[in-house]
Amino acid sequence: MANYLLFESQEPFESAEVQRHYELAAGLMREGNQVTVFLIQNGVLAARRSEASQGLAALARAGVLVLADDFSLKERGIPPSRLAEAVKIASLDQAVDQIAEGRKALWF
């Protein structure tokens, strides 16, 4: 079993690749790994309660931890009250801590 940290910097409406990244996260989880998806930059736009957040909700139901960068949220004017239930707010420091603990990191 491995631990993965996937950084998502794109929003689903901006790139069709985002859905494939979500599928990768779910697949890694199904294989028995621990997986965190860390939304950063425009990736946090999918964290708002909307149709776009359904993919994140599915990841959370599969056991993937979904985090959104607090700075990216503030920079885009997204208050915590607008976030989908599946998404937790985190700082970049928490992501760095996960990498320091030995998580395999991928940036999309």
PDB file of N, CA and C in Angstrom:
ATOM      1  N   MET A   1       0.846  -1.176   0.000  1.00  0.00           N
ATOM      2  CA  MET A   1       0.000   0.000   0.000  1.00  0.00           C
ATOM      3  C   MET A   1       0.896   1.246   0.000  1.00  0.00           C
ATOM      4  N   ALA A   2       0.540   2.193  -0.827  1.00  0.00           N
ATOM      5  CA  ALA A   2       1.290   3.445  -0.926  1.00  0.00           C
ATOM      6  C   ALA A   2       0.381   4.614  -0.564  1.00  0.00           C
ATOM      7  N   ASN A   3       0.989   5.742  -0.307  1.00  0.00           N
ATOM      8  CA  ASN A   3       0.254   6.969  -0.008  1.00  0.00           C
ATOM      9  C   ASN A   3       0.508   7.969  -1.125  1.00  0.00           C
ATOM     10  N   TYR A   4      -0.566   8.525  -1.660  1.00  0.00           N
ATOM     11  CA  TYR A   4      -0.465   9.461  -2.774  1.00  0.00           C
ATOM     12  C   TYR A   4      -1.088  10.799  -2.420  1.00  0.00           C
ATOM     13  N   LEU A   5      -0.465  11.858  -2.940  1.00  0.00           N
ATOM     14  CA  LEU A   5      -0.980  13.220  -2.835  1.00  0.00           C
ATOM     15  C   LEU A   5      -1.036  13.772  -4.245  1.00  0.00           C
ATOM     16  N   LEU A   6      -2.254  13.973  -4.742  1.00  0.00           N
ATOM     17  CA  LEU A   6      -2.447  14.465  -6.098  1.00  0.00           C
ATOM     18  C   LEU A   6      -2.880  15.919  -6.037  1.00  0.00           C
ATOM     19  N   PHE A   7      -2.073  16.796  -6.607  1.00  0.00           N
ATOM     20  CA  PHE A   7      -2.401  18.217  -6.676  1.00  0.00           C
ATOM     21  C   PHE A   7      -3.185  18.468  -7.959  1.00  0.00           C
ATOM     22  N   GLU A   8      -4.375  19.026  -7.831  1.00  0.00           N
ATOM     23  CA  GLU A   8      -5.186  19.378  -9.000  1.00  0.00           C
ATOM     24  C   GLU A   8      -5.253  20.889  -9.102  1.00  0.00           C
ATOM     25  N   SER A   9      -4.670  21.426 -10.182  1.00  0.00           N
ATOM     26  CA  SER A   9      -4.618  22.878 -10.354  1.00  0.00           C
ATOM     27  C   SER A   9      -5.568  23.386 -11.431  1.00  0.00           C
ATOM     28  N   GLN A  10      -6.309  22.486 -12.055  1.00  0.00           N
ATOM     29  CA  GLN A  10      -7.230  22.887 -13.120  1.00  0.00           C
ATOM     30  C   GLN A  10      -8.674  22.638 -12.687  1.00  0.00           C
ATOM     31  N   GLU A  11      -9.584  23.349 -13.311  1.00  0.00           N
ATOM     32  CA  GLU A  11     -10.997  23.117 -13.022  1.00  0.00           C
ATOM     33  C   GLU A  11     -11.591  22.227 -14.113  1.00  0.00           C
ATOM     34  N   PRO A  12     -12.650  21.467 -13.796  1.00  0.00           N
ATOM     35  CA  PRO A  12     -13.231  20.546 -14.778  1.00  0.00           C
ATOM     36  C   PRO A  12     -13.720  21.228 -16.057  1.00  0.00           C
ATOM     37  N   PHE A  13     -14.169  22.473 -15.976  1.00  0.00           N
ATOM     38  CA  PHE A  13     -14.659  23.154 -17.171  1.00  0.00           C
ATOM     39  C   PHE A  13     -13.520  23.669 -18.041  1.00  0.00           C
ATOM     40  N   GLU A  14     -12.335  23.749 -17.465  1.00  0.00           N
ATOM     41  CA  GLU A  14     -11.163  24.257 -18.170  1.00  0.00           C
ATOM     42  C   GLU A  14     -10.449  23.145 -18.934  1.00  0.00           C
ATOM     43  N   SER A  15     -10.488  21.931 -18.408  1.00  0.00           N
ATOM     44  CA  SER A  15      -9.731  20.838 -18.986  1.00  0.00           C
ATOM     45  C   SER A  15     -10.452  19.507 -18.806  1.00  0.00           C
ATOM     46  N   ALA A  16     -10.534  18.750 -19.884  1.00  0.00           N
ATOM     47  CA  ALA A  16     -11.127  17.411 -19.819  1.00  0.00           C
ATOM     48  C   ALA A  16     -10.233  16.454 -19.037  1.00  0.00           C
ATOM     49  N   GLU A  17      -8.977  16.823 -18.855  1.00  0.00           N
ATOM     50  CA  GLU A  17      -8.033  15.985 -18.122  1.00  0.00           C
ATOM     51  C   GLU A  17      -8.417  15.819 -16.651  1.00  0.00           C
ATOM     52  N   VAL A  18      -9.132  16.792 -16.106  1.00  0.00           N
ATOM     53  CA  VAL A  18      -9.468  16.752 -14.683  1.00  0.00           C
ATOM     54  C   VAL A  18     -10.241  15.485 -14.345  1.00  0.00           C
ATOM     55  N   GLN A  19     -11.189  15.115 -15.172  1.00  0.00           N
ATOM     56  CA  GLN A  19     -11.963  13.895 -14.919  1.00  0.00           C
ATOM     57  C   GLN A  19     -11.049  12.669 -14.883  1.00  0.00           C
ATOM     58  N   ARG A  20     -10.070  12.630 -15.750  1.00  0.00           N
ATOM     59  CA  ARG A  20      -9.109  11.509 -15.748  1.00  0.00           C
ATOM     60  C   ARG A  20      -8.258  11.516 -14.479  1.00  0.00           C
ATOM     61  N   HIS A  21      -7.959  12.687 -13.974  1.00  0.00           N
ATOM     62  CA  HIS A  21      -7.205  12.779 -12.721  1.00  0.00           C
ATOM     63  C   HIS A  21      -8.040  12.239 -11.563  1.00  0.00           C
ATOM     64  N   TYR A  22      -9.332  12.583 -11.560  1.00  0.00           N
ATOM     65  CA  TYR A  22     -10.235  12.058 -10.531  1.00  0.00           C
ATOM     66  C   TYR A  22     -10.319  10.535 -10.646  1.00  0.00           C
ATOM     67  N   GLU A  23     -10.384  10.012 -11.872  1.00  0.00           N
ATOM     68  CA  GLU A  23     -10.442   8.562 -12.086  1.00  0.00           C
ATOM     69  C   GLU A  23      -9.168   7.888 -11.589  1.00  0.00           C
ATOM     70  N   LEU A  24      -8.030   8.531 -11.814  1.00  0.00           N
ATOM     71  CA  LEU A  24      -6.765   7.998 -11.304  1.00  0.00           C
ATOM     72  C   LEU A  24      -6.805   7.916  -9.786  1.00  0.00           C
ATOM     73  N   ALA A  25      -7.264   8.973  -9.138  1.00  0.00           N
ATOM     74  CA  ALA A  25      -7.354   8.984  -7.670  1.00  0.00           C
ATOM     75  C   ALA A  25      -8.255   7.858  -7.176  1.00  0.00           C
ATOM     76  N   ALA A  26      -9.403   7.684  -7.803  1.00  0.00           N
ATOM     77  CA  ALA A  26     -10.331   6.623  -7.393  1.00  0.00           C
ATOM     78  C   ALA A  26      -9.715   5.247  -7.634  1.00  0.00           C
ATOM     79  N   GLY A  27      -9.015   5.092  -8.752  1.00  0.00           N
ATOM     80  CA  GLY A  27      -8.373   3.819  -9.051  1.00  0.00           C
ATOM     81  C   GLY A  27      -7.278   3.473  -8.057  1.00  0.00           C
ATOM     82  N   LEU A  28      -6.475   4.458  -7.693  1.00  0.00           N
ATOM     83  CA  LEU A  28      -5.443   4.230  -6.680  1.00  0.00           C
ATOM     84  C   LEU A  28      -6.072   3.820  -5.352  1.00  0.00           C
ATOM     85  N   MET A  29      -7.193   4.423  -5.033  1.00  0.00           N
ATOM     86  CA  MET A  29      -7.903   4.098  -3.795  1.00  0.00           C
ATOM     87  C   MET A  29      -8.421   2.655  -3.851  1.00  0.00           C
ATOM     88  N   ARG A  30      -9.000   2.272  -4.977  1.00  0.00           N
ATOM     89  CA  ARG A  30      -9.518   0.903  -5.136  1.00  0.00           C
ATOM     90  C   ARG A  30      -8.409  -0.137  -4.993  1.00  0.00           C
ATOM     91  N   GLU A  31      -7.201   0.242  -5.353  1.00  0.00           N
ATOM     92  CA  GLU A  31      -6.065  -0.683  -5.253  1.00  0.00           C
ATOM     93  C   GLU A  31      -5.513  -0.772  -3.829  1.00  0.00           C
ATOM     94  N   GLY A  32      -6.152  -0.080  -2.894  1.00  0.00           N
ATOM     95  CA  GLY A  32      -5.775  -0.179  -1.497  1.00  0.00           C
ATOM     96  C   GLY A  32      -4.803   0.877  -1.006  1.00  0.00           C
ATOM     97  N   ASN A  33      -4.598   1.905  -1.792  1.00  0.00           N
ATOM     98  CA  ASN A  33      -3.705   2.988  -1.401  1.00  0.00           C
ATOM     99  C   ASN A  33      -4.459   4.058  -0.630  1.00  0.00           C
ATOM    100  N   GLN A  34      -3.724   4.891   0.080  1.00  0.00           N
ATOM    101  CA  GLN A  34      -4.310   6.080   0.689  1.00  0.00           C
ATOM    102  C   GLN A  34      -4.095   7.227  -0.287  1.00  0.00           C
ATOM    103  N   VAL A  35      -5.162   7.988  -0.547  1.00  0.00           N
ATOM    104  CA  VAL A  35      -5.089   9.030  -1.563  1.00  0.00           C
ATOM    105  C   VAL A  35      -5.687  10.322  -1.029  1.00  0.00           C
ATOM    106  N   THR A  36      -4.959  11.420  -1.253  1.00  0.00           N
ATOM    107  CA  THR A  36      -5.447  12.761  -0.973  1.00  0.00           C
ATOM    108  C   THR A  36      -5.410  13.542  -2.273  1.00  0.00           C
ATOM    109  N   VAL A  37      -6.500  14.223  -2.599  1.00  0.00           N
ATOM    110  CA  VAL A  37      -6.528  15.165  -3.712  1.00  0.00           C
ATOM    111  C   VAL A  37      -6.503  16.554  -3.097  1.00  0.00           C
ATOM    112  N   PHE A  38      -5.490  17.327  -3.464  1.00  0.00           N
ATOM    113  CA  PHE A  38      -5.318  18.674  -2.932  1.00  0.00           C
ATOM    114  C   PHE A  38      -5.614  19.663  -4.055  1.00  0.00           C
ATOM    115  N   LEU A  39      -6.720  20.370  -3.934  1.00  0.00           N
ATOM    116  CA  LEU A  39      -7.119  21.358  -4.937  1.00  0.00           C
ATOM    117  C   LEU A  39      -6.361  22.647  -4.704  1.00  0.00           C
ATOM    118  N   ILE A  40      -5.741  23.138  -5.761  1.00  0.00           N
ATOM    119  CA  ILE A  40      -4.924  24.336  -5.660  1.00  0.00           C
ATOM    120  C   ILE A  40      -5.130  25.173  -6.915  1.00  0.00           C
ATOM    121  N   GLN A  41      -4.859  26.451  -6.831  1.00  0.00           N
ATOM    122  CA  GLN A  41      -5.036  27.387  -7.947  1.00  0.00           C
ATOM    123  C   GLN A  41      -6.475  27.257  -8.468  1.00  0.00           C
ATOM    124  N   ASN A  42      -6.678  27.142  -9.785  1.00  0.00           N
ATOM    125  CA  ASN A  42      -8.041  27.049 -10.327  1.00  0.00           C
ATOM    126  C   ASN A  42      -8.737  25.734  -9.987  1.00  0.00           C
ATOM    127  N   GLY A  43      -8.012  24.774  -9.480  1.00  0.00           N
ATOM    128  CA  GLY A  43      -8.630  23.517  -9.060  1.00  0.00           C
ATOM    129  C   GLY A  43      -9.673  23.707  -7.976  1.00  0.00           C
ATOM    130  N   VAL A  44      -9.530  24.787  -7.173  1.00  0.00           N
ATOM    131  CA  VAL A  44     -10.492  25.028  -6.094  1.00  0.00           C
ATOM    132  C   VAL A  44     -11.860  25.456  -6.624  1.00  0.00           C
ATOM    133  N   LEU A  45     -11.938  25.869  -7.873  1.00  0.00           N
ATOM    134  CA  LEU A  45     -13.235  26.285  -8.422  1.00  0.00           C
ATOM    135  C   LEU A  45     -14.229  25.128  -8.427  1.00  0.00           C
ATOM    136  N   ALA A  46     -13.739  23.901  -8.542  1.00  0.00           N
ATOM    137  CA  ALA A  46     -14.610  22.726  -8.504  1.00  0.00           C
ATOM    138  C   ALA A  46     -15.102  22.423  -7.093  1.00  0.00           C
ATOM    139  N   ALA A  47     -14.514  23.055  -6.090  1.00  0.00           N
ATOM    140  CA  ALA A  47     -14.892  22.802  -4.696  1.00  0.00           C
ATOM    141  C   ALA A  47     -16.196  23.483  -4.304  1.00  0.00           C
ATOM    142  N   ARG A  48     -16.634  24.450  -5.112  1.00  0.00           N
ATOM    143  CA  ARG A  48     -17.900  25.128  -4.809  1.00  0.00           C
ATOM    144  C   ARG A  48     -19.058  24.157  -5.027  1.00  0.00           C
ATOM    145  N   ARG A  49     -20.077  24.272  -4.172  1.00  0.00           N
ATOM    146  CA  ARG A  49     -21.272  23.447  -4.356  1.00  0.00           C
ATOM    147  C   ARG A  49     -21.859  23.733  -5.727  1.00  0.00           C
ATOM    148  N   SER A  50     -21.772  22.742  -6.606  1.00  0.00           N
ATOM    149  CA  SER A  50     -22.276  22.890  -7.964  1.00  0.00           C
ATOM    150  C   SER A  50     -22.207  21.522  -8.633  1.00  0.00           C
ATOM    151  N   GLU A  51     -22.591  21.492  -9.881  1.00  0.00           N
ATOM    152  CA  GLU A  51     -22.493  20.246 -10.643  1.00  0.00           C
ATOM    153  C   GLU A  51     -21.036  19.788 -10.725  1.00  0.00           C
ATOM    154  N   ALA A  52     -20.123  20.731 -10.816  1.00  0.00           N
ATOM    155  CA  ALA A  52     -18.700  20.406 -10.918  1.00  0.00           C
ATOM    156  C   ALA A  52     -18.177  19.707  -9.671  1.00  0.00           C
ATOM    157  N   SER A  53     -18.814  19.899  -8.534  1.00  0.00           N
ATOM    158  CA  SER A  53     -18.323  19.284  -7.299  1.00  0.00           C
ATOM    159  C   SER A  53     -18.783  17.836  -7.143  1.00  0.00           C
ATOM    160  N   GLN A  54     -19.615  17.341  -8.051  1.00  0.00           N
ATOM    161  CA  GLN A  54     -20.091  15.962  -7.952  1.00  0.00           C
ATOM    162  C   GLN A  54     -18.943  14.961  -8.065  1.00  0.00           C
ATOM    163  N   GLY A  55     -17.964  15.263  -8.897  1.00  0.00           N
ATOM    164  CA  GLY A  55     -16.805  14.383  -9.019  1.00  0.00           C
ATOM    165  C   GLY A  55     -16.020  14.296  -7.725  1.00  0.00           C
ATOM    166  N   LEU A  56     -15.924  15.405  -7.030  1.00  0.00           N
ATOM    167  CA  LEU A  56     -15.229  15.417  -5.746  1.00  0.00           C
ATOM    168  C   LEU A  56     -16.025  14.651  -4.691  1.00  0.00           C
ATOM    169  N   ALA A  57     -17.336  14.776  -4.742  1.00  0.00           N
ATOM    170  CA  ALA A  57     -18.190  14.033  -3.805  1.00  0.00           C
ATOM    171  C   ALA A  57     -18.024  12.529  -4.011  1.00  0.00           C
ATOM    172  N   ALA A  58     -17.930  12.105  -5.279  1.00  0.00           N
ATOM    173  CA  ALA A  58     -17.728  10.683  -5.576  1.00  0.00           C
ATOM    174  C   ALA A  58     -16.376  10.207  -5.044  1.00  0.00           C
ATOM    175  N   LEU A  59     -15.353  11.049  -5.169  1.00  0.00           N
ATOM    176  CA  LEU A  59     -14.045  10.688  -4.625  1.00  0.00           C
ATOM    177  C   LEU A  59     -14.111  10.519  -3.116  1.00  0.00           C
ATOM    178  N   ALA A  60     -14.770  11.448  -2.448  1.00  0.00           N
ATOM    179  CA  ALA A  60     -14.887  11.369  -0.990  1.00  0.00           C
ATOM    180  C   ALA A  60     -15.635  10.104  -0.572  1.00  0.00           C
ATOM    181  N   ARG A  61     -16.692   9.754  -1.302  1.00  0.00           N
ATOM    182  CA  ARG A  61     -17.429   8.523  -0.985  1.00  0.00           C
ATOM    183  C   ARG A  61     -16.544   7.287  -1.163  1.00  0.00           C
ATOM    184  N   ALA A  62     -15.576   7.373  -2.079  1.00  0.00           N
ATOM    185  CA  ALA A  62     -14.651   6.265  -2.320  1.00  0.00           C
ATOM    186  C   ALA A  62     -13.532   6.209  -1.284  1.00  0.00           C
ATOM    187  N   GLY A  63     -13.474   7.217  -0.408  1.00  0.00           N
ATOM    188  CA  GLY A  63     -12.471   7.226   0.644  1.00  0.00           C
ATOM    189  C   GLY A  63     -11.309   8.174   0.411  1.00  0.00           C
ATOM    190  N   VAL A  64     -11.326   8.889  -0.711  1.00  0.00           N
ATOM    191  CA  VAL A  64     -10.277   9.857  -1.014  1.00  0.00           C
ATOM    192  C   VAL A  64     -10.493  11.103  -0.151  1.00  0.00           C
ATOM    193  N   LEU A  65      -9.432  11.592   0.449  1.00  0.00           N
ATOM    194  CA  LEU A  65      -9.496  12.837   1.211  1.00  0.00           C
ATOM    195  C   LEU A  65      -9.355  13.988   0.225  1.00  0.00           C
ATOM    196  N   VAL A  66     -10.340  14.891   0.200  1.00  0.00           N
ATOM    197  CA  VAL A  66     -10.338  16.026  -0.732  1.00  0.00           C
ATOM    198  C   VAL A  66     -10.104  17.305   0.069  1.00  0.00           C
ATOM    199  N   LEU A  67      -8.984  17.968  -0.226  1.00  0.00           N
ATOM    200  CA  LEU A  67      -8.609  19.197   0.462  1.00  0.00           C
ATOM    201  C   LEU A  67      -8.534  20.346  -0.535  1.00  0.00           C
ATOM    202  N   ALA A  68      -8.889  21.541  -0.082  1.00  0.00           N
ATOM    203  CA  ALA A  68      -8.785  22.745  -0.910  1.00  0.00           C
ATOM    204  C   ALA A  68      -7.860  23.736  -0.229  1.00  0.00           C
ATOM    205  N   ASP A  69      -6.930  24.271  -0.984  1.00  0.00           N
ATOM    206  CA  ASP A  69      -5.956  25.229  -0.477  1.00  0.00           C
ATOM    207  C   ASP A  69      -6.642  26.508  -0.009  1.00  0.00           C
ATOM    208  N   ASP A  70      -6.418  26.863   1.237  1.00  0.00           N
ATOM    209  CA  ASP A  70      -7.081  28.035   1.803  1.00  0.00           C
ATOM    210  C   ASP A  70      -6.704  29.323   1.069  1.00  0.00           C
ATOM    211  N   PHE A  71      -5.450  29.474   0.678  1.00  0.00           N
ATOM    212  CA  PHE A  71      -5.025  30.678  -0.033  1.00  0.00           C
ATOM    213  C   PHE A  71      -5.701  30.783  -1.396  1.00  0.00           C
ATOM    214  N   SER A  72      -5.764  29.674  -2.133  1.00  0.00           N
ATOM    215  CA  SER A  72      -6.412  29.679  -3.450  1.00  0.00           C
ATOM    216  C   SER A  72      -7.899  30.011  -3.337  1.00  0.00           C
ATOM    217  N   LEU A  73      -8.534  29.518  -2.275  1.00  0.00           N
ATOM    218  CA  LEU A  73      -9.950  29.842  -2.052  1.00  0.00           C
ATOM    219  C   LEU A  73     -10.124  31.338  -1.818  1.00  0.00           C
ATOM    220  N   LYS A  74      -9.311  31.899  -0.939  1.00  0.00           N
ATOM    221  CA  LYS A  74      -9.404  33.336  -0.641  1.00  0.00           C
ATOM    222  C   LYS A  74      -9.106  34.170  -1.876  1.00  0.00           C
ATOM    223  N   GLU A  75      -8.105  33.763  -2.630  1.00  0.00           N
ATOM    224  CA  GLU A  75      -7.701  34.497  -3.826  1.00  0.00           C
ATOM    225  C   GLU A  75      -8.831  34.554  -4.859  1.00  0.00           C
ATOM    226  N   ARG A  76      -9.690  33.547  -4.862  1.00  0.00           N
ATOM    227  CA  ARG A  76     -10.796  33.479  -5.815  1.00  0.00           C
ATOM    228  C   ARG A  76     -12.141  33.872  -5.197  1.00  0.00           C
ATOM    229  N   GLY A  77     -12.105  34.357  -3.965  1.00  0.00           N
ATOM    230  CA  GLY A  77     -13.315  34.847  -3.313  1.00  0.00           C
ATOM    231  C   GLY A  77     -14.327  33.772  -2.972  1.00  0.00           C
ATOM    232  N   ILE A  78     -13.860  32.570  -2.665  1.00  0.00           N
ATOM    233  CA  ILE A  78     -14.760  31.466  -2.332  1.00  0.00           C
ATOM    234  C   ILE A  78     -14.781  31.290  -0.814  1.00  0.00           C
ATOM    235  N   PRO A  79     -15.892  31.642  -0.173  1.00  0.00           N
ATOM    236  CA  PRO A  79     -15.974  31.485   1.280  1.00  0.00           C
ATOM    237  C   PRO A  79     -16.241  30.026   1.663  1.00  0.00           C
ATOM    238  N   PRO A  80     -15.862  29.629   2.868  1.00  0.00           N
ATOM    239  CA  PRO A  80     -16.102  28.250   3.316  1.00  0.00           C
ATOM    240  C   PRO A  80     -17.563  27.823   3.207  1.00  0.00           C
ATOM    241  N   SER A  81     -18.487  28.754   3.364  1.00  0.00           N
ATOM    242  CA  SER A  81     -19.910  28.420   3.303  1.00  0.00           C
ATOM    243  C   SER A  81     -20.349  27.949   1.921  1.00  0.00           C
ATOM    244  N   ARG A  82     -19.556  28.207   0.884  1.00  0.00           N
ATOM    245  CA  ARG A  82     -19.904  27.817  -0.499  1.00  0.00           C
ATOM    246  C   ARG A  82     -19.301  26.477  -0.914  1.00  0.00           C
ATOM    247  N   LEU A  83     -18.517  25.860  -0.022  1.00  0.00           N
ATOM    248  CA  LEU A  83     -17.840  24.623  -0.385  1.00  0.00           C
ATOM    249  C   LEU A  83     -18.770  23.417  -0.340  1.00  0.00           C
ATOM    250  N   ALA A  84     -18.510  22.484  -1.228  1.00  0.00           N
ATOM    251  CA  ALA A  84     -19.221  21.210  -1.218  1.00  0.00           C
ATOM    252  C   ALA A  84     -18.870  20.470   0.074  1.00  0.00           C
ATOM    253  N   GLU A  85     -19.780  19.646   0.530  1.00  0.00           N
ATOM    254  CA  GLU A  85     -19.588  18.928   1.781  1.00  0.00           C
ATOM    255  C   GLU A  85     -18.340  18.065   1.790  1.00  0.00           C
ATOM    256  N   ALA A  86     -17.987  17.508   0.653  1.00  0.00           N
ATOM    257  CA  ALA A  86     -16.862  16.572   0.560  1.00  0.00           C
ATOM    258  C   ALA A  86     -15.510  17.247   0.720  1.00  0.00           C
ATOM    259  N   VAL A  87     -15.459  18.558   0.627  1.00  0.00           N
ATOM    260  CA  VAL A  87     -14.197  19.293   0.576  1.00  0.00           C
ATOM    261  C   VAL A  87     -13.853  19.895   1.942  1.00  0.00           C
ATOM    262  N   LYS A  88     -12.615  19.679   2.345  1.00  0.00           N
ATOM    263  CA  LYS A  88     -12.107  20.253   3.591  1.00  0.00           C
ATOM    264  C   LYS A  88     -11.063  21.305   3.246  1.00  0.00           C
ATOM    265  N   ILE A  89     -11.001  22.370   4.013  1.00  0.00           N
ATOM    266  CA  ILE A  89     -10.022  23.433   3.793  1.00  0.00           C
ATOM    267  C   ILE A  89      -8.704  23.034   4.457  1.00  0.00           C
ATOM    268  N   ALA A  90      -7.615  23.296   3.745  1.00  0.00           N
ATOM    269  CA  ALA A  90      -6.290  22.970   4.269  1.00  0.00           C
ATOM    270  C   ALA A  90      -5.295  24.028   3.809  1.00  0.00           C
ATOM    271  N   SER A  91      -4.175  24.074   4.490  1.00  0.00           N
ATOM    272  CA  SER A  91      -3.111  24.987   4.074  1.00  0.00           C
ATOM    273  C   SER A  91      -2.081  24.205   3.268  1.00  0.00           C
ATOM    274  N   LEU A  92      -1.308  24.926   2.505  1.00  0.00           N
ATOM    275  CA  LEU A  92      -0.244  24.290   1.738  1.00  0.00           C
ATOM    276  C   LEU A  92       0.751  23.608   2.681  1.00  0.00           C
ATOM    277  N   ASP A  93       0.868  24.113   3.890  1.00  0.00           N
ATOM    278  CA  ASP A  93       1.745  23.481   4.878  1.00  0.00           C
ATOM    279  C   ASP A  93       1.343  22.031   5.127  1.00  0.00           C
ATOM    280  N   GLN A  94       0.038  21.755   5.130  1.00  0.00           N
ATOM    281  CA  GLN A  94      -0.428  20.389   5.355  1.00  0.00           C
ATOM    282  C   GLN A  94       0.000  19.477   4.198  1.00  0.00           C
ATOM    283  N   ALA A  95      -0.018  20.001   2.990  1.00  0.00           N
ATOM    284  CA  ALA A  95       0.437  19.221   1.842  1.00  0.00           C
ATOM    285  C   ALA A  95       1.938  18.953   1.954  1.00  0.00           C
ATOM    286  N   VAL A  96       2.693  19.970   2.325  1.00  0.00           N
ATOM    287  CA  VAL A  96       4.140  19.809   2.496  1.00  0.00           C
ATOM    288  C   VAL A  96       4.423  18.763   3.574  1.00  0.00           C
ATOM    289  N   ASP A  97       3.657  18.778   4.648  1.00  0.00           N
ATOM    290  CA  ASP A  97       3.828  17.777   5.706  1.00  0.00           C
ATOM    291  C   ASP A  97       3.591  16.374   5.173  1.00  0.00           C
ATOM    292  N   GLN A  98       2.579  16.206   4.326  1.00  0.00           N
ATOM    293  CA  GLN A  98       2.305  14.885   3.754  1.00  0.00           C
ATOM    294  C   GLN A  98       3.467  14.422   2.874  1.00  0.00           C
ATOM    295  N   ILE A  99       4.033  15.338   2.105  1.00  0.00           N
ATOM    296  CA  ILE A  99       5.187  14.984   1.272  1.00  0.00           C
ATOM    297  C   ILE A  99       6.370  14.608   2.163  1.00  0.00           C
ATOM    298  N   ALA A 100       6.578  15.357   3.226  1.00  0.00           N
ATOM    299  CA  ALA A 100       7.678  15.064   4.155  1.00  0.00           C
ATOM    300  C   ALA A 100       7.502  13.700   4.815  1.00  0.00           C
ATOM    301  N   GLU A 101       6.251  13.266   4.969  1.00  0.00           N
ATOM    302  CA  GLU A 101       5.970  11.954   5.552  1.00  0.00           C
ATOM    303  C   GLU A 101       6.188  10.827   4.551  1.00  0.00           C
ATOM    304  N   GLY A 102       6.498  11.181   3.301  1.00  0.00           N
ATOM    305  CA  GLY A 102       6.798  10.154   2.311  1.00  0.00           C
ATOM    306  C   GLY A 102       5.722   9.890   1.278  1.00  0.00           C
ATOM    307  N   ARG A 103       4.684  10.717   1.228  1.00  0.00           N
ATOM    308  CA  ARG A 103       3.652  10.523   0.202  1.00  0.00           C
ATOM    309  C   ARG A 103       4.228  10.772  -1.173  1.00  0.00           C
ATOM    310  N   LYS A 104       3.767  10.015  -2.130  1.00  0.00           N
ATOM    311  CA  LYS A 104       4.143  10.212  -3.519  1.00  0.00           C
ATOM    312  C   LYS A 104       3.261  11.339  -4.070  1.00  0.00           C
ATOM    313  N   ALA A 105       3.875  12.376  -4.572  1.00  0.00           N
ATOM    314  CA  ALA A 105       3.123  13.540  -5.019  1.00  0.00           C
ATOM    315  C   ALA A 105       3.103  13.625  -6.543  1.00  0.00           C
ATOM    316  N   LEU A 106       1.924  13.942  -7.076  1.00  0.00           N
ATOM    317  CA  LEU A 106       1.734  14.171  -8.512  1.00  0.00           C
ATOM    318  C   LEU A 106       1.044  15.516  -8.676  1.00  0.00           C
ATOM    319  N   TRP A 107       1.502  16.311  -9.632  1.00  0.00           N
ATOM    320  CA  TRP A 107       0.913  17.635  -9.877  1.00  0.00           C
ATOM    321  C   TRP A 107       0.243  17.636 -11.236  1.00  0.00           C
ATOM    322  N   PHE A 108      -1.022  18.028 -11.241  1.00  0.00           N
ATOM    323  CA  PHE A 108      -1.759  18.114 -12.509  1.00  0.00           C
ATOM    324  C   PHE A 108      -2.163  19.547 -12.749  1.00  0.00           C
TER     325      PHE A 108
END
